[in-house]
């Protein structure tokens, strides 16, 4: 029997301080004192993944290791991910890696259009992408990573003075990182366009009026 999907609001009850729920997956980043520690962490996570037959996405950089886990059969987070996340956190603690979950973010690019089906084939061919099976208006790469989604123009109105824009950035961050990120944007000369949809997302604009969203997993269940 397939495990039930866990929502963002349900995730908070599992007490996983190393992890953040972002776009239907669990994300974290561990800071490592040196490259050898990063290699050891990747090797240990890989061994645990083979034993559990539950395979995460891992990226290794000098000084850090990023990990993403989800249950592909349900297209989201399940109890298997909760248990595996605990295992990974224990391995990281043992190796002296420090969790930095507030650094987690995903850049989600949207293209505003009145007719997604008219332009989608062009962008699919250009990017060498495929249709997202969970979103007819989304494209993903061969590894399952979202690369572009299409938004109906009528859905994007944020006031009569909104500039004509085609592309816009949705920056998806950990829930507890959103206030600091918003404050940094405002301090850098940005302005708040609307908080109407918070905490799912806030719309901000630069000095020229170009808009972008800071998004979290909250308010989307």
N, C-alpha and C. Protein backbone atom coordinates (compact mmCIF):
# COMPACT_ATOMS: atom_id res chain seq x y z
N UNK A 1 0.84 -1.20 0.00
CA UNK A 1 0.00 0.00 0.00
C UNK A 1 0.88 1.25 0.00
N UNK A 2 0.52 2.22 -0.80
CA UNK A 2 1.30 3.45 -0.90
C UNK A 2 1.11 4.31 0.33
N UNK A 3 2.20 4.87 0.84
CA UNK A 3 2.12 5.77 1.98
C UNK A 3 1.36 7.03 1.61
N UNK A 4 0.68 7.60 2.62
CA UNK A 4 -0.04 8.85 2.40
C UNK A 4 0.94 10.01 2.31
N UNK A 5 0.60 10.99 1.49
CA UNK A 5 1.42 12.19 1.38
C UNK A 5 1.27 13.04 2.63
N UNK A 6 2.38 13.62 3.04
CA UNK A 6 2.41 14.53 4.19
C UNK A 6 2.41 15.96 3.66
N UNK A 7 1.56 16.81 4.22
CA UNK A 7 1.48 18.19 3.78
C UNK A 7 2.49 19.05 4.54
N UNK A 8 2.64 20.28 4.07
CA UNK A 8 3.58 21.20 4.72
C UNK A 8 3.18 21.48 6.16
N UNK A 9 1.89 21.66 6.41
CA UNK A 9 1.46 21.94 7.78
C UNK A 9 1.62 20.72 8.68
N UNK A 10 1.44 19.52 8.14
CA UNK A 10 1.64 18.30 8.93
C UNK A 10 3.11 18.07 9.24
N UNK A 11 3.98 18.49 8.34
CA UNK A 11 5.42 18.27 8.52
C UNK A 11 5.93 18.91 9.81
N UNK A 12 5.38 20.04 10.19
CA UNK A 12 5.87 20.76 11.37
C UNK A 12 5.82 19.91 12.64
N UNK A 13 4.91 18.93 12.69
CA UNK A 13 4.74 18.13 13.89
C UNK A 13 5.81 17.06 14.05
N UNK A 14 6.65 16.85 13.03
CA UNK A 14 7.61 15.75 13.08
C UNK A 14 8.94 16.13 13.71
N UNK A 15 9.14 17.38 14.04
CA UNK A 15 10.35 17.83 14.75
C UNK A 15 11.62 17.39 14.03
N UNK A 16 11.80 17.94 12.84
CA UNK A 16 13.01 17.69 12.05
C UNK A 16 13.71 19.03 11.83
N UNK A 17 14.45 19.52 12.83
CA UNK A 17 15.02 20.87 12.74
C UNK A 17 16.05 21.05 11.63
N UNK A 18 16.62 19.95 11.14
CA UNK A 18 17.61 20.06 10.06
C UNK A 18 16.98 20.24 8.68
N UNK A 19 15.67 20.09 8.59
CA UNK A 19 15.02 19.97 7.28
C UNK A 19 13.93 21.01 7.09
N UNK A 20 13.67 21.33 5.81
CA UNK A 20 12.59 22.24 5.45
C UNK A 20 11.77 21.63 4.32
N UNK A 21 10.47 21.84 4.38
CA UNK A 21 9.52 21.35 3.38
C UNK A 21 9.39 22.42 2.30
N UNK A 22 9.87 22.12 1.09
CA UNK A 22 9.85 23.09 -0.02
C UNK A 22 9.38 22.38 -1.30
N UNK A 23 8.31 22.87 -1.89
CA UNK A 23 7.80 22.32 -3.15
C UNK A 23 7.66 20.80 -3.12
N UNK A 24 6.98 20.31 -2.09
CA UNK A 24 6.63 18.89 -1.96
C UNK A 24 7.83 17.97 -1.78
N UNK A 25 8.95 18.53 -1.31
CA UNK A 25 10.12 17.70 -1.02
C UNK A 25 10.79 18.22 0.25
N UNK A 26 11.57 17.37 0.91
CA UNK A 26 12.34 17.78 2.08
C UNK A 26 13.74 18.16 1.63
N UNK A 27 14.19 19.33 2.05
CA UNK A 27 15.49 19.87 1.65
C UNK A 27 16.32 20.18 2.89
N UNK A 28 17.64 20.04 2.77
CA UNK A 28 18.55 20.58 3.76
C UNK A 28 19.91 20.81 3.11
N UNK A 29 20.76 21.53 3.84
CA UNK A 29 22.16 21.69 3.43
C UNK A 29 23.00 21.57 4.69
N UNK A 30 24.06 20.76 4.60
CA UNK A 30 24.99 20.58 5.71
C UNK A 30 26.30 21.29 5.39
N UNK A 31 26.79 22.08 6.32
CA UNK A 31 28.10 22.71 6.20
C UNK A 31 29.14 21.74 6.72
N UNK A 32 30.21 21.55 5.94
CA UNK A 32 31.25 20.59 6.30
C UNK A 32 32.59 21.31 6.45
N UNK A 33 33.41 20.88 7.41
CA UNK A 33 34.67 21.59 7.67
C UNK A 33 35.71 21.43 6.57
N UNK A 34 35.59 20.37 5.77
CA UNK A 34 36.55 20.14 4.70
C UNK A 34 35.93 19.20 3.67
N UNK A 35 36.63 19.04 2.56
CA UNK A 35 36.09 18.23 1.46
C UNK A 35 35.98 16.75 1.85
N UNK A 36 36.94 16.27 2.63
CA UNK A 36 36.89 14.87 3.05
C UNK A 36 35.63 14.56 3.85
N UNK A 37 35.24 15.50 4.70
CA UNK A 37 34.01 15.29 5.47
C UNK A 37 32.80 15.25 4.55
N UNK A 38 32.79 16.12 3.55
CA UNK A 38 31.70 16.09 2.58
C UNK A 38 31.63 14.77 1.83
N UNK A 39 32.78 14.27 1.41
CA UNK A 39 32.82 12.98 0.72
C UNK A 39 32.33 11.85 1.62
N UNK A 40 32.75 11.88 2.87
CA UNK A 40 32.33 10.85 3.81
C UNK A 40 30.82 10.91 4.04
N UNK A 41 30.29 12.12 4.14
CA UNK A 41 28.85 12.28 4.34
C UNK A 41 28.07 11.74 3.15
N UNK A 42 28.52 12.05 1.95
CA UNK A 42 27.85 11.55 0.74
C UNK A 42 27.90 10.02 0.70
N UNK A 43 29.05 9.46 1.03
CA UNK A 43 29.20 8.00 1.00
C UNK A 43 28.27 7.33 2.01
N UNK A 44 28.19 7.90 3.21
CA UNK A 44 27.34 7.32 4.25
C UNK A 44 25.86 7.45 3.88
N UNK A 45 25.48 8.59 3.33
CA UNK A 45 24.09 8.76 2.90
C UNK A 45 23.77 7.77 1.77
N UNK A 46 24.72 7.60 0.85
CA UNK A 46 24.51 6.66 -0.25
C UNK A 46 24.32 5.23 0.24
N UNK A 47 25.11 4.83 1.22
CA UNK A 47 24.98 3.48 1.77
C UNK A 47 23.63 3.30 2.46
N UNK A 48 23.21 4.33 3.21
CA UNK A 48 21.91 4.27 3.88
C UNK A 48 20.77 4.23 2.86
N UNK A 49 20.94 4.95 1.76
CA UNK A 49 19.92 4.97 0.72
C UNK A 49 19.77 3.60 0.07
N UNK A 50 20.90 2.95 -0.19
CA UNK A 50 20.85 1.62 -0.78
C UNK A 50 20.17 0.63 0.16
N UNK A 51 20.48 0.75 1.44
CA UNK A 51 19.88 -0.16 2.42
C UNK A 51 18.37 0.06 2.51
N UNK A 52 17.95 1.32 2.47
CA UNK A 52 16.53 1.64 2.59
C UNK A 52 15.79 1.55 1.26
N UNK A 53 16.55 1.45 0.16
CA UNK A 53 15.96 1.52 -1.18
C UNK A 53 15.10 2.79 -1.33
N UNK A 54 15.70 3.88 -0.88
CA UNK A 54 15.04 5.19 -0.94
C UNK A 54 16.12 6.20 -1.27
N UNK A 55 16.12 6.70 -2.49
CA UNK A 55 17.30 7.39 -3.02
C UNK A 55 17.09 8.89 -3.12
N UNK A 56 17.85 9.67 -2.35
CA UNK A 56 17.73 11.12 -2.37
C UNK A 56 18.56 11.75 -3.48
N UNK A 57 18.36 13.03 -3.69
CA UNK A 57 19.24 13.82 -4.55
C UNK A 57 20.30 14.46 -3.66
N UNK A 58 21.56 14.38 -4.09
CA UNK A 58 22.68 14.89 -3.29
C UNK A 58 23.56 15.76 -4.18
N UNK A 59 23.96 16.93 -3.68
CA UNK A 59 24.97 17.71 -4.39
C UNK A 59 26.10 18.07 -3.43
N UNK A 60 27.31 17.85 -3.90
CA UNK A 60 28.51 18.05 -3.09
C UNK A 60 29.28 19.26 -3.58
N UNK A 61 29.56 20.17 -2.66
CA UNK A 61 30.41 21.33 -2.93
C UNK A 61 31.48 21.39 -1.86
N UNK A 62 32.55 22.12 -2.14
CA UNK A 62 33.53 22.32 -1.08
C UNK A 62 32.86 23.11 0.04
N UNK A 63 32.78 22.50 1.20
CA UNK A 63 32.19 23.17 2.36
C UNK A 63 30.73 22.89 2.60
N UNK A 64 30.08 22.14 1.70
CA UNK A 64 28.66 21.86 1.95
C UNK A 64 28.17 20.66 1.15
N UNK A 65 27.10 20.05 1.67
CA UNK A 65 26.41 18.96 0.99
C UNK A 65 24.91 19.26 1.07
N UNK A 66 24.26 19.30 -0.09
CA UNK A 66 22.81 19.49 -0.14
C UNK A 66 22.11 18.16 -0.35
N UNK A 67 20.97 17.99 0.31
CA UNK A 67 20.21 16.74 0.20
C UNK A 67 18.73 17.07 0.02
N UNK A 68 18.09 16.35 -0.89
CA UNK A 68 16.65 16.47 -1.13
C UNK A 68 16.06 15.07 -1.15
N UNK A 69 14.97 14.86 -0.42
CA UNK A 69 14.32 13.55 -0.44
C UNK A 69 12.82 13.71 -0.63
N UNK A 70 12.25 12.80 -1.41
CA UNK A 70 10.80 12.72 -1.60
C UNK A 70 10.47 11.31 -2.04
N UNK A 71 9.18 10.99 -2.01
CA UNK A 71 8.72 9.67 -2.43
C UNK A 71 8.12 9.80 -3.83
N UNK A 72 8.86 9.30 -4.82
CA UNK A 72 8.48 9.54 -6.21
C UNK A 72 7.15 8.87 -6.58
N UNK A 73 6.80 7.78 -5.88
CA UNK A 73 5.58 7.07 -6.24
C UNK A 73 4.32 7.86 -5.89
N UNK A 74 4.43 8.82 -4.97
CA UNK A 74 3.27 9.64 -4.62
C UNK A 74 3.46 11.10 -4.99
N UNK A 75 4.65 11.45 -5.47
CA UNK A 75 4.91 12.83 -5.85
C UNK A 75 4.93 13.79 -4.69
N UNK A 76 5.48 13.34 -3.57
CA UNK A 76 5.53 14.21 -2.40
C UNK A 76 6.28 13.56 -1.26
N UNK A 77 6.05 14.06 -0.06
CA UNK A 77 6.72 13.59 1.15
C UNK A 77 5.85 12.57 1.86
N UNK A 78 6.47 11.46 2.30
CA UNK A 78 5.76 10.43 3.06
C UNK A 78 6.56 10.10 4.32
N UNK A 79 6.03 9.15 5.09
CA UNK A 79 6.72 8.71 6.31
C UNK A 79 8.09 8.13 6.00
N UNK A 80 8.27 7.61 4.79
CA UNK A 80 9.60 7.10 4.41
C UNK A 80 10.63 8.22 4.39
N UNK A 81 10.23 9.38 3.92
CA UNK A 81 11.14 10.52 3.89
C UNK A 81 11.43 11.04 5.30
N UNK A 82 10.42 11.01 6.15
CA UNK A 82 10.62 11.44 7.54
C UNK A 82 11.67 10.57 8.20
N UNK A 83 11.52 9.24 8.07
CA UNK A 83 12.48 8.33 8.68
C UNK A 83 13.86 8.46 8.08
N UNK A 84 13.93 8.63 6.76
CA UNK A 84 15.23 8.74 6.10
C UNK A 84 15.91 10.05 6.46
N UNK A 85 15.13 11.11 6.59
CA UNK A 85 15.70 12.40 7.00
C UNK A 85 16.33 12.28 8.39
N UNK A 86 15.68 11.58 9.28
CA UNK A 86 16.26 11.38 10.63
C UNK A 86 17.59 10.62 10.53
N UNK A 87 17.63 9.61 9.68
CA UNK A 87 18.86 8.84 9.50
C UNK A 87 19.99 9.72 8.98
N UNK A 88 19.69 10.55 7.99
CA UNK A 88 20.71 11.43 7.41
C UNK A 88 21.20 12.44 8.44
N UNK A 89 20.29 12.99 9.22
CA UNK A 89 20.68 13.95 10.25
C UNK A 89 21.61 13.31 11.28
N UNK A 90 21.32 12.07 11.65
CA UNK A 90 22.17 11.37 12.62
C UNK A 90 23.57 11.14 12.04
N UNK A 91 23.64 10.79 10.77
CA UNK A 91 24.95 10.60 10.12
C UNK A 91 25.72 11.91 10.10
N UNK A 92 25.05 13.00 9.74
CA UNK A 92 25.71 14.30 9.69
C UNK A 92 26.23 14.72 11.06
N UNK A 93 25.43 14.51 12.09
CA UNK A 93 25.87 14.84 13.45
C UNK A 93 27.11 14.05 13.83
N UNK A 94 27.11 12.77 13.47
CA UNK A 94 28.24 11.90 13.80
C UNK A 94 29.53 12.36 13.12
N UNK A 95 29.39 12.90 11.90
CA UNK A 95 30.57 13.31 11.13
C UNK A 95 30.98 14.76 11.41
N UNK A 96 30.22 15.45 12.22
CA UNK A 96 30.57 16.84 12.54
C UNK A 96 30.12 17.85 11.51
N UNK A 97 29.15 17.48 10.68
CA UNK A 97 28.57 18.43 9.72
C UNK A 97 27.45 19.21 10.40
N UNK A 98 27.33 20.48 10.06
CA UNK A 98 26.35 21.36 10.70
C UNK A 98 25.22 21.68 9.74
N UNK A 99 23.99 21.44 10.17
CA UNK A 99 22.84 21.71 9.32
C UNK A 99 22.62 23.21 9.16
N UNK A 100 22.30 23.62 7.94
CA UNK A 100 22.02 25.03 7.63
C UNK A 100 20.75 25.08 6.77
N UNK A 101 19.60 24.66 7.33
CA UNK A 101 18.40 24.55 6.51
C UNK A 101 17.84 25.89 6.04
N UNK A 102 18.17 26.98 6.73
CA UNK A 102 17.64 28.28 6.30
C UNK A 102 18.28 28.75 4.99
N UNK A 103 19.35 28.08 4.56
CA UNK A 103 19.98 28.44 3.29
C UNK A 103 19.28 27.80 2.10
N UNK A 104 18.33 26.90 2.36
CA UNK A 104 17.63 26.21 1.28
C UNK A 104 16.78 27.20 0.48
N UNK A 105 16.88 27.13 -0.84
CA UNK A 105 15.97 27.88 -1.69
C UNK A 105 15.88 27.20 -3.05
N UNK A 106 14.76 27.45 -3.74
CA UNK A 106 14.54 26.94 -5.08
C UNK A 106 14.09 28.11 -5.95
N UNK A 107 14.73 28.30 -7.09
CA UNK A 107 14.34 29.34 -8.03
C UNK A 107 13.39 28.74 -9.05
N UNK A 108 12.15 29.23 -9.06
CA UNK A 108 11.10 28.71 -9.93
C UNK A 108 10.75 29.81 -10.94
N UNK A 109 11.04 29.57 -12.21
CA UNK A 109 10.82 30.59 -13.24
C UNK A 109 9.46 30.41 -13.91
N UNK A 110 8.69 31.49 -13.93
CA UNK A 110 7.38 31.47 -14.58
C UNK A 110 7.36 32.38 -15.79
N UNK A 111 6.59 32.00 -16.79
CA UNK A 111 6.42 32.80 -18.01
C UNK A 111 4.94 33.15 -18.15
N UNK A 112 4.64 34.43 -18.10
CA UNK A 112 3.26 34.89 -18.20
C UNK A 112 2.81 34.86 -19.66
N UNK A 113 1.63 34.32 -19.88
CA UNK A 113 1.11 34.20 -21.25
C UNK A 113 -0.40 34.06 -21.21
N UNK A 114 -1.06 34.54 -22.24
CA UNK A 114 -2.51 34.38 -22.33
C UNK A 114 -2.89 33.01 -22.88
N UNK A 115 -1.91 32.29 -23.44
CA UNK A 115 -2.20 31.00 -24.07
C UNK A 115 -1.01 30.06 -23.91
N UNK A 116 -0.91 29.35 -22.77
CA UNK A 116 0.24 28.47 -22.54
C UNK A 116 0.44 27.43 -23.63
N UNK A 117 -0.64 26.84 -24.12
CA UNK A 117 -0.50 25.76 -25.10
C UNK A 117 0.10 26.24 -26.41
N UNK A 118 -0.02 27.53 -26.70
CA UNK A 118 0.51 28.08 -27.95
C UNK A 118 2.04 28.16 -27.94
N UNK A 119 2.62 28.47 -26.79
CA UNK A 119 4.07 28.69 -26.74
C UNK A 119 4.84 27.56 -26.05
N UNK A 120 4.11 26.69 -25.36
CA UNK A 120 4.79 25.62 -24.62
C UNK A 120 5.67 24.75 -25.51
N UNK A 121 5.23 24.31 -26.71
CA UNK A 121 6.09 23.46 -27.53
C UNK A 121 7.44 24.11 -27.86
N UNK A 122 7.44 25.42 -28.11
CA UNK A 122 8.69 26.13 -28.40
C UNK A 122 9.66 26.00 -27.24
N UNK A 123 9.19 26.31 -26.03
CA UNK A 123 10.08 26.28 -24.87
C UNK A 123 10.48 24.86 -24.49
N UNK A 124 9.60 23.92 -24.73
CA UNK A 124 9.94 22.52 -24.47
C UNK A 124 11.08 22.08 -25.38
N UNK A 125 11.01 22.45 -26.66
CA UNK A 125 12.07 22.09 -27.60
C UNK A 125 13.36 22.84 -27.29
N UNK A 126 13.25 24.13 -26.99
CA UNK A 126 14.43 24.95 -26.73
C UNK A 126 15.21 24.44 -25.52
N UNK A 127 14.49 24.07 -24.46
CA UNK A 127 15.12 23.65 -23.21
C UNK A 127 15.41 22.15 -23.16
N UNK A 128 14.99 21.42 -24.20
CA UNK A 128 15.16 19.97 -24.17
C UNK A 128 14.42 19.36 -23.00
N UNK A 129 13.23 19.89 -22.72
CA UNK A 129 12.48 19.53 -21.52
C UNK A 129 11.33 18.59 -21.86
N UNK A 130 10.64 18.15 -20.82
CA UNK A 130 9.47 17.31 -20.98
C UNK A 130 8.35 17.87 -20.11
N UNK A 131 7.12 17.49 -20.43
CA UNK A 131 5.98 17.97 -19.64
C UNK A 131 6.02 17.37 -18.25
N UNK A 132 5.77 18.21 -17.26
CA UNK A 132 5.68 17.75 -15.88
C UNK A 132 4.41 16.92 -15.74
N UNK A 133 4.50 15.64 -15.35
CA UNK A 133 3.30 14.80 -15.26
C UNK A 133 2.31 15.29 -14.21
N UNK A 134 2.78 16.11 -13.26
CA UNK A 134 1.91 16.63 -12.22
C UNK A 134 1.37 18.02 -12.54
N UNK A 135 1.81 18.60 -13.66
CA UNK A 135 1.41 19.96 -14.00
C UNK A 135 1.49 20.14 -15.51
N UNK A 136 0.34 20.13 -16.17
CA UNK A 136 0.32 20.24 -17.64
C UNK A 136 0.95 21.54 -18.13
N UNK A 137 0.98 22.56 -17.28
CA UNK A 137 1.55 23.85 -17.68
C UNK A 137 3.00 24.01 -17.23
N UNK A 138 3.63 22.92 -16.81
CA UNK A 138 5.02 22.99 -16.36
C UNK A 138 5.94 22.14 -17.22
N UNK A 139 7.21 22.52 -17.25
CA UNK A 139 8.24 21.75 -17.95
C UNK A 139 9.32 21.36 -16.95
N UNK A 140 9.90 20.19 -17.15
CA UNK A 140 10.98 19.74 -16.29
C UNK A 140 12.08 19.13 -17.14
N UNK A 141 13.29 19.05 -16.56
CA UNK A 141 14.40 18.46 -17.31
C UNK A 141 14.41 16.95 -17.14
N UNK A 142 15.43 16.31 -17.72
CA UNK A 142 15.49 14.85 -17.71
C UNK A 142 15.66 14.27 -16.31
N UNK A 143 16.08 15.11 -15.36
CA UNK A 143 16.28 14.64 -13.99
C UNK A 143 15.07 14.94 -13.10
N UNK A 144 14.01 15.48 -13.69
CA UNK A 144 12.80 15.75 -12.92
C UNK A 144 12.76 17.11 -12.26
N UNK A 145 13.74 17.97 -12.56
CA UNK A 145 13.79 19.30 -11.96
C UNK A 145 12.94 20.27 -12.79
N UNK A 146 12.10 21.04 -12.10
CA UNK A 146 11.28 22.03 -12.80
C UNK A 146 12.18 23.09 -13.42
N UNK A 147 11.94 23.42 -14.70
CA UNK A 147 12.74 24.44 -15.37
C UNK A 147 11.92 25.65 -15.79
N UNK A 148 10.60 25.47 -15.98
CA UNK A 148 9.77 26.59 -16.41
C UNK A 148 8.31 26.21 -16.24
N UNK A 149 7.50 27.20 -15.82
CA UNK A 149 6.06 26.98 -15.79
C UNK A 149 5.36 28.18 -16.40
N UNK A 150 4.14 27.95 -16.88
CA UNK A 150 3.40 28.98 -17.61
C UNK A 150 2.21 29.44 -16.77
N UNK A 151 2.06 30.74 -16.66
CA UNK A 151 1.00 31.33 -15.85
C UNK A 151 0.08 32.17 -16.73
N UNK A 152 -1.22 31.92 -16.63
CA UNK A 152 -2.17 32.71 -17.38
C UNK A 152 -2.04 34.18 -17.01
N UNK A 153 -1.98 35.07 -17.99
CA UNK A 153 -1.75 36.49 -17.73
C UNK A 153 -2.78 37.06 -16.78
N UNK A 154 -4.01 36.61 -16.87
CA UNK A 154 -5.07 37.15 -16.02
C UNK A 154 -4.82 36.86 -14.55
N UNK A 155 -3.99 35.83 -14.25
CA UNK A 155 -3.72 35.45 -12.87
C UNK A 155 -2.64 36.30 -12.24
N UNK A 156 -1.97 37.14 -13.01
CA UNK A 156 -0.77 37.79 -12.51
C UNK A 156 -0.98 39.25 -12.12
N UNK A 157 -2.20 39.76 -12.26
CA UNK A 157 -2.43 41.17 -12.00
C UNK A 157 -2.16 41.53 -10.55
N UNK A 158 -1.34 42.54 -10.35
CA UNK A 158 -1.05 43.02 -9.00
C UNK A 158 -1.27 44.52 -8.93
N UNK A 159 -2.24 45.00 -9.70
CA UNK A 159 -2.57 46.42 -9.65
C UNK A 159 -2.47 47.08 -11.00
N UNK A 160 -3.13 48.22 -11.15
CA UNK A 160 -3.16 48.89 -12.46
C UNK A 160 -1.82 49.42 -12.91
N UNK A 161 -0.89 49.61 -11.98
CA UNK A 161 0.41 50.16 -12.34
C UNK A 161 1.47 49.08 -12.57
N UNK A 162 1.06 47.82 -12.56
CA UNK A 162 2.03 46.73 -12.75
C UNK A 162 2.65 46.84 -14.13
N UNK A 163 3.98 46.68 -14.25
CA UNK A 163 4.64 46.79 -15.55
C UNK A 163 4.34 45.59 -16.43
N UNK A 164 4.53 45.74 -17.72
CA UNK A 164 4.41 44.61 -18.62
C UNK A 164 5.61 43.70 -18.43
N UNK A 165 5.36 42.49 -17.95
CA UNK A 165 6.44 41.54 -17.70
C UNK A 165 6.06 40.21 -18.33
N UNK A 166 7.05 39.47 -18.75
CA UNK A 166 6.82 38.13 -19.25
C UNK A 166 7.36 37.10 -18.27
N UNK A 167 8.67 37.17 -18.00
CA UNK A 167 9.25 36.25 -17.04
C UNK A 167 9.18 36.86 -15.65
N UNK A 168 9.00 36.01 -14.66
CA UNK A 168 9.12 36.47 -13.28
C UNK A 168 9.71 35.34 -12.45
N UNK A 169 10.41 35.72 -11.40
CA UNK A 169 11.08 34.74 -10.54
C UNK A 169 10.25 34.49 -9.29
N UNK A 170 10.01 33.22 -8.99
CA UNK A 170 9.48 32.79 -7.70
C UNK A 170 10.64 32.19 -6.93
N UNK A 171 11.05 32.84 -5.86
CA UNK A 171 12.15 32.34 -5.04
C UNK A 171 11.53 31.64 -3.84
N UNK A 172 11.61 30.32 -3.83
CA UNK A 172 10.99 29.52 -2.77
C UNK A 172 12.03 29.26 -1.69
N UNK A 173 11.73 29.72 -0.47
CA UNK A 173 12.68 29.62 0.64
C UNK A 173 12.05 28.85 1.79
N UNK A 174 12.88 28.46 2.75
CA UNK A 174 12.39 27.86 3.98
C UNK A 174 11.46 28.84 4.69
N UNK A 175 10.42 28.31 5.35
CA UNK A 175 9.43 29.18 5.98
C UNK A 175 10.06 30.21 6.91
N UNK A 176 11.02 29.76 7.71
CA UNK A 176 11.62 30.66 8.70
C UNK A 176 12.66 31.60 8.09
N UNK A 177 12.98 31.40 6.82
CA UNK A 177 13.93 32.30 6.15
C UNK A 177 13.23 33.45 5.44
N UNK A 178 11.92 33.35 5.25
CA UNK A 178 11.20 34.36 4.48
C UNK A 178 11.28 35.76 5.08
N UNK A 179 11.07 35.95 6.39
CA UNK A 179 11.13 37.31 6.93
C UNK A 179 12.46 38.00 6.69
N UNK A 180 13.56 37.28 6.89
CA UNK A 180 14.88 37.88 6.67
C UNK A 180 15.11 38.19 5.19
N UNK A 181 14.64 37.30 4.31
CA UNK A 181 14.82 37.54 2.88
C UNK A 181 14.02 38.76 2.43
N UNK A 182 12.80 38.87 2.92
CA UNK A 182 11.97 40.03 2.57
C UNK A 182 12.62 41.31 3.08
N UNK A 183 13.11 41.27 4.33
CA UNK A 183 13.76 42.45 4.90
C UNK A 183 14.98 42.86 4.08
N UNK A 184 15.74 41.87 3.62
CA UNK A 184 16.93 42.16 2.81
C UNK A 184 16.55 42.80 1.48
N UNK A 185 15.47 42.31 0.87
CA UNK A 185 15.01 42.88 -0.40
C UNK A 185 14.56 44.33 -0.21
N UNK A 186 13.81 44.58 0.85
CA UNK A 186 13.34 45.94 1.12
C UNK A 186 14.51 46.87 1.42
N UNK A 187 15.50 46.36 2.16
CA UNK A 187 16.67 47.18 2.48
C UNK A 187 17.51 47.48 1.24
N UNK A 188 17.38 46.62 0.22
CA UNK A 188 18.15 46.80 -1.01
C UNK A 188 17.43 47.69 -2.02
N UNK A 189 16.37 48.35 -1.58
CA UNK A 189 15.67 49.27 -2.47
C UNK A 189 14.38 48.73 -3.05
N UNK A 190 14.00 47.52 -2.65
CA UNK A 190 12.75 46.96 -3.14
C UNK A 190 11.56 47.53 -2.39
N UNK A 191 10.37 47.22 -2.89
CA UNK A 191 9.15 47.63 -2.19
C UNK A 191 8.17 46.47 -2.19
N UNK A 192 7.33 46.45 -1.17
CA UNK A 192 6.31 45.42 -1.08
C UNK A 192 5.13 45.81 -1.97
N UNK A 193 4.78 44.94 -2.90
CA UNK A 193 3.64 45.19 -3.78
C UNK A 193 2.35 44.72 -3.12
N UNK A 194 2.37 43.49 -2.60
CA UNK A 194 1.21 42.97 -1.88
C UNK A 194 1.62 41.83 -0.96
N UNK A 195 0.96 41.80 0.20
CA UNK A 195 1.08 40.68 1.15
C UNK A 195 -0.21 39.88 1.19
N UNK A 196 -1.08 40.11 0.22
CA UNK A 196 -2.40 39.50 0.21
C UNK A 196 -2.35 37.98 0.26
N UNK A 197 -1.33 37.40 -0.35
CA UNK A 197 -1.28 35.94 -0.47
C UNK A 197 -0.35 35.29 0.55
N UNK A 198 0.22 36.07 1.47
CA UNK A 198 1.12 35.54 2.49
C UNK A 198 0.33 34.59 3.41
N UNK A 199 0.99 33.53 3.93
CA UNK A 199 2.42 33.24 3.82
C UNK A 199 2.80 32.38 2.61
N UNK A 200 1.85 32.14 1.70
CA UNK A 200 2.20 31.37 0.50
C UNK A 200 3.23 32.12 -0.34
N UNK A 201 2.98 33.44 -0.54
CA UNK A 201 3.98 34.25 -1.24
C UNK A 201 3.72 35.73 -1.02
N UNK A 202 4.79 36.50 -1.14
CA UNK A 202 4.77 37.96 -1.10
C UNK A 202 5.25 38.45 -2.46
N UNK A 203 4.63 39.49 -3.00
CA UNK A 203 5.05 40.07 -4.27
C UNK A 203 5.83 41.35 -3.97
N UNK A 204 7.06 41.41 -4.48
CA UNK A 204 7.92 42.57 -4.30
C UNK A 204 8.35 43.11 -5.65
N UNK A 205 8.84 44.34 -5.66
CA UNK A 205 9.26 44.95 -6.92
C UNK A 205 10.56 45.71 -6.73
N UNK A 206 11.36 45.79 -7.81
CA UNK A 206 12.58 46.59 -7.77
C UNK A 206 12.25 48.04 -8.12
N UNK A 207 13.28 48.87 -8.21
CA UNK A 207 13.07 50.30 -8.43
C UNK A 207 12.43 50.60 -9.78
N UNK A 208 12.55 49.68 -10.74
CA UNK A 208 11.93 49.86 -12.05
C UNK A 208 10.53 49.27 -12.13
N UNK A 209 10.09 48.64 -11.04
CA UNK A 209 8.77 48.04 -11.02
C UNK A 209 8.71 46.59 -11.40
N UNK A 210 9.86 45.97 -11.71
CA UNK A 210 9.89 44.54 -12.04
C UNK A 210 9.56 43.73 -10.80
N UNK A 211 8.64 42.79 -10.94
CA UNK A 211 8.13 42.07 -9.78
C UNK A 211 8.69 40.66 -9.68
N UNK A 212 8.77 40.18 -8.44
CA UNK A 212 9.18 38.81 -8.14
C UNK A 212 8.48 38.40 -6.86
N UNK A 213 8.45 37.10 -6.62
CA UNK A 213 7.77 36.59 -5.43
C UNK A 213 8.74 35.84 -4.54
N UNK A 214 8.60 36.05 -3.24
CA UNK A 214 9.25 35.20 -2.24
C UNK A 214 8.17 34.26 -1.72
N UNK A 215 8.41 32.96 -1.83
CA UNK A 215 7.38 31.95 -1.57
C UNK A 215 7.82 31.00 -0.46
N UNK A 216 6.84 30.42 0.23
CA UNK A 216 7.10 29.36 1.20
C UNK A 216 6.10 28.23 0.95
N UNK A 217 6.24 27.17 1.73
CA UNK A 217 5.32 26.03 1.61
C UNK A 217 4.03 26.26 2.38
N UNK A 218 3.95 27.30 3.18
CA UNK A 218 2.78 27.52 4.02
C UNK A 218 1.60 28.05 3.21
N UNK A 219 0.39 27.75 3.70
CA UNK A 219 -0.82 28.26 3.07
C UNK A 219 -1.14 27.63 1.74
N UNK A 220 -0.65 26.41 1.50
CA UNK A 220 -0.86 25.76 0.20
C UNK A 220 -1.53 24.41 0.31
N UNK A 221 -1.86 23.95 1.50
CA UNK A 221 -2.44 22.61 1.67
C UNK A 221 -3.82 22.53 1.01
